[in-house]
Amino acid sequence: MKQIEVQIMGQSYLLGCPDGGEAQLREAVDRVDAAMCKIRDAGKVKARDRIAVLASLNLAFDLAAQQATQQASPQAAAAAPAPAVTAAADPQANAEADPRAAQLIQRLDQALAGDGHLL
């Protein structure tokens, strides 16, 4: 296993990478970086850990939606391109699509609100 250095939202990370998996890992890093930067650039969320949580929730939500689409119609999913990663800085943006996601985001916000050291 080799190690590669990557940057996510301007911070360097040294990650272990299985042989032959570097391109796939770099693609994942690019998606995470894009999702986190989009949330940060929207200006509503400043704390790096909150940005990471929202980005991971958005990515997981998009993946679940993509998997549901593929299960519903495997032929249509094979012909359609994969959706671009979207990361909404506003937690209410996903509320219309999935009320459970909105409830989870609200609970995370409440849990993280008590920590005055989030920057």
Protein backbone atom coordinates (compact mmCIF):
# COMPACT_ATOMS: atom_id res chain seq x y z
CA MET A 1 0.00 0.00 0.00
CA LYS A 2 1.41 3.36 -0.94
CA GLN A 3 0.70 6.76 0.55
CA ILE A 4 -0.35 9.80 -1.42
CA GLU A 5 -0.68 13.39 -0.32
CA VAL A 6 -3.92 15.15 -1.20
CA GLN A 7 -5.54 18.47 -0.38
CA ILE A 8 -9.10 18.95 0.73
CA MET A 9 -10.31 22.50 1.22
CA GLY A 10 -6.72 23.73 1.36
CA GLN A 11 -5.55 21.27 4.01
CA SER A 12 -3.08 18.48 3.23
CA TYR A 13 -3.76 14.86 4.11
CA LEU A 14 -1.53 11.80 3.74
CA LEU A 15 -3.74 8.87 2.74
CA GLY A 16 -3.03 5.18 2.37
CA CYS A 17 -3.90 3.92 -1.08
CA PRO A 18 -4.08 0.32 -2.33
CA ASP A 19 -2.00 -0.52 -5.38
CA GLY A 20 -3.85 0.47 -8.53
CA GLY A 21 -6.38 2.59 -6.65
CA GLU A 22 -4.74 5.99 -6.89
CA ALA A 23 -6.96 7.34 -9.69
CA GLN A 24 -10.12 6.25 -7.88
CA LEU A 25 -8.93 7.76 -4.59
CA ARG A 26 -8.01 11.05 -6.27
CA GLU A 27 -11.46 11.16 -7.89
CA ALA A 28 -13.07 10.66 -4.47
CA VAL A 29 -10.86 13.39 -3.01
CA ASP A 30 -11.88 15.74 -5.83
CA ARG A 31 -15.56 15.09 -5.13
CA VAL A 32 -15.18 15.67 -1.40
CA ASP A 33 -13.10 18.81 -1.98
CA ALA A 34 -15.65 20.21 -4.44
CA ALA A 35 -18.56 19.47 -2.08
CA MET A 36 -16.82 21.06 0.90
CA CYS A 37 -15.63 24.12 -1.04
CA LYS A 38 -19.12 24.72 -2.42
CA ILE A 39 -20.57 24.76 1.11
CA ARG A 40 -17.75 26.98 2.41
CA ASP A 41 -18.06 29.39 -0.52
CA ALA A 42 -21.80 29.78 0.07
CA GLY A 43 -20.74 31.54 3.27
CA LYS A 44 -23.40 30.17 5.58
CA VAL A 45 -21.21 27.61 7.34
CA LYS A 46 -17.73 28.42 8.62
CA ALA A 47 -16.72 25.49 10.81
CA ARG A 48 -14.66 22.89 8.96
CA ASP A 49 -16.27 19.98 10.81
CA ARG A 50 -19.80 21.21 10.01
CA ILE A 51 -18.81 21.65 6.39
CA ALA A 52 -17.46 18.08 6.36
CA VAL A 53 -20.66 16.70 7.91
CA LEU A 54 -22.91 18.55 5.45
CA ALA A 55 -20.74 17.54 2.49
CA SER A 56 -20.74 13.89 3.55
CA LEU A 57 -24.51 13.95 4.03
CA ASN A 58 -25.00 15.50 0.60
CA LEU A 59 -22.70 12.96 -1.03
CA ALA A 60 -24.41 10.07 0.77
CA PHE A 61 -27.84 11.43 -0.20
CA ASP A 62 -26.79 11.72 -3.85
CA LEU A 63 -25.36 8.19 -3.80
CA ALA A 64 -28.54 6.76 -2.26
CA ALA A 65 -30.66 8.56 -4.85
CA GLN A 66 -28.46 7.25 -7.65
CA GLN A 67 -28.65 3.69 -6.29
CA ALA A 68 -32.44 3.93 -5.94
CA THR A 69 -32.70 5.08 -9.54
CA GLN A 70 -30.50 2.22 -10.71
CA GLN A 71 -32.55 -0.32 -8.78
CA ALA A 72 -35.80 1.10 -10.11
CA SER A 73 -34.74 0.92 -13.74
CA PRO A 74 -31.34 -0.70 -14.37
CA GLN A 75 -31.54 -0.10 -18.12
CA ALA A 76 -32.31 3.60 -17.79
CA ALA A 77 -29.57 4.07 -15.19
CA ALA A 78 -27.00 2.40 -17.43
CA ALA A 79 -27.80 4.81 -20.26
CA ALA A 80 -27.92 7.96 -18.10
CA PRO A 81 -24.74 9.71 -16.95
CA ALA A 82 -24.03 9.79 -13.22
CA PRO A 83 -25.37 12.94 -11.57
CA ALA A 84 -22.90 15.61 -10.61
CA VAL A 85 -22.14 15.96 -6.93
CA THR A 86 -24.17 18.75 -5.41
CA ALA A 87 -23.66 20.13 -1.95
CA ALA A 88 -26.30 22.50 -0.67
CA ALA A 89 -25.09 24.83 2.05
CA ASP A 90 -28.69 25.29 3.13
CA PRO A 91 -29.87 22.17 4.99
CA GLN A 92 -33.44 22.91 3.93
CA ALA A 93 -32.51 22.36 0.28
CA ASN A 94 -32.71 18.59 0.74
CA ALA A 95 -35.79 18.75 2.99
CA GLU A 96 -38.18 18.72 0.08
CA ALA A 97 -36.52 15.65 -1.41
CA ASP A 98 -36.20 13.65 1.82
CA PRO A 99 -37.71 14.78 5.14
CA ARG A 100 -35.54 12.23 6.99
CA ALA A 101 -32.40 13.94 5.70
CA ALA A 102 -33.73 17.28 6.91
CA GLN A 103 -34.41 15.83 10.36
CA LEU A 104 -30.91 14.37 10.52
CA ILE A 105 -29.33 17.66 9.50
CA GLN A 106 -31.40 19.51 12.10
CA ARG A 107 -30.29 17.05 14.80
CA LEU A 108 -26.64 17.46 13.73
CA ASP A 109 -26.96 21.25 13.85
CA GLN A 110 -28.42 21.03 17.36
CA ALA A 111 -25.66 18.69 18.51
CA LEU A 112 -22.91 20.87 17.06
CA ALA A 113 -24.42 24.19 18.16
CA GLY A 114 -23.30 23.75 21.75
CA ASP A 115 -19.60 23.69 20.82
CA GLY A 116 -18.28 27.25 20.77
CA HIS A 117 -14.92 26.10 19.42
CA LEU A 118 -16.09 25.24 15.92
CA LEU A 119 -13.87 27.21 13.57
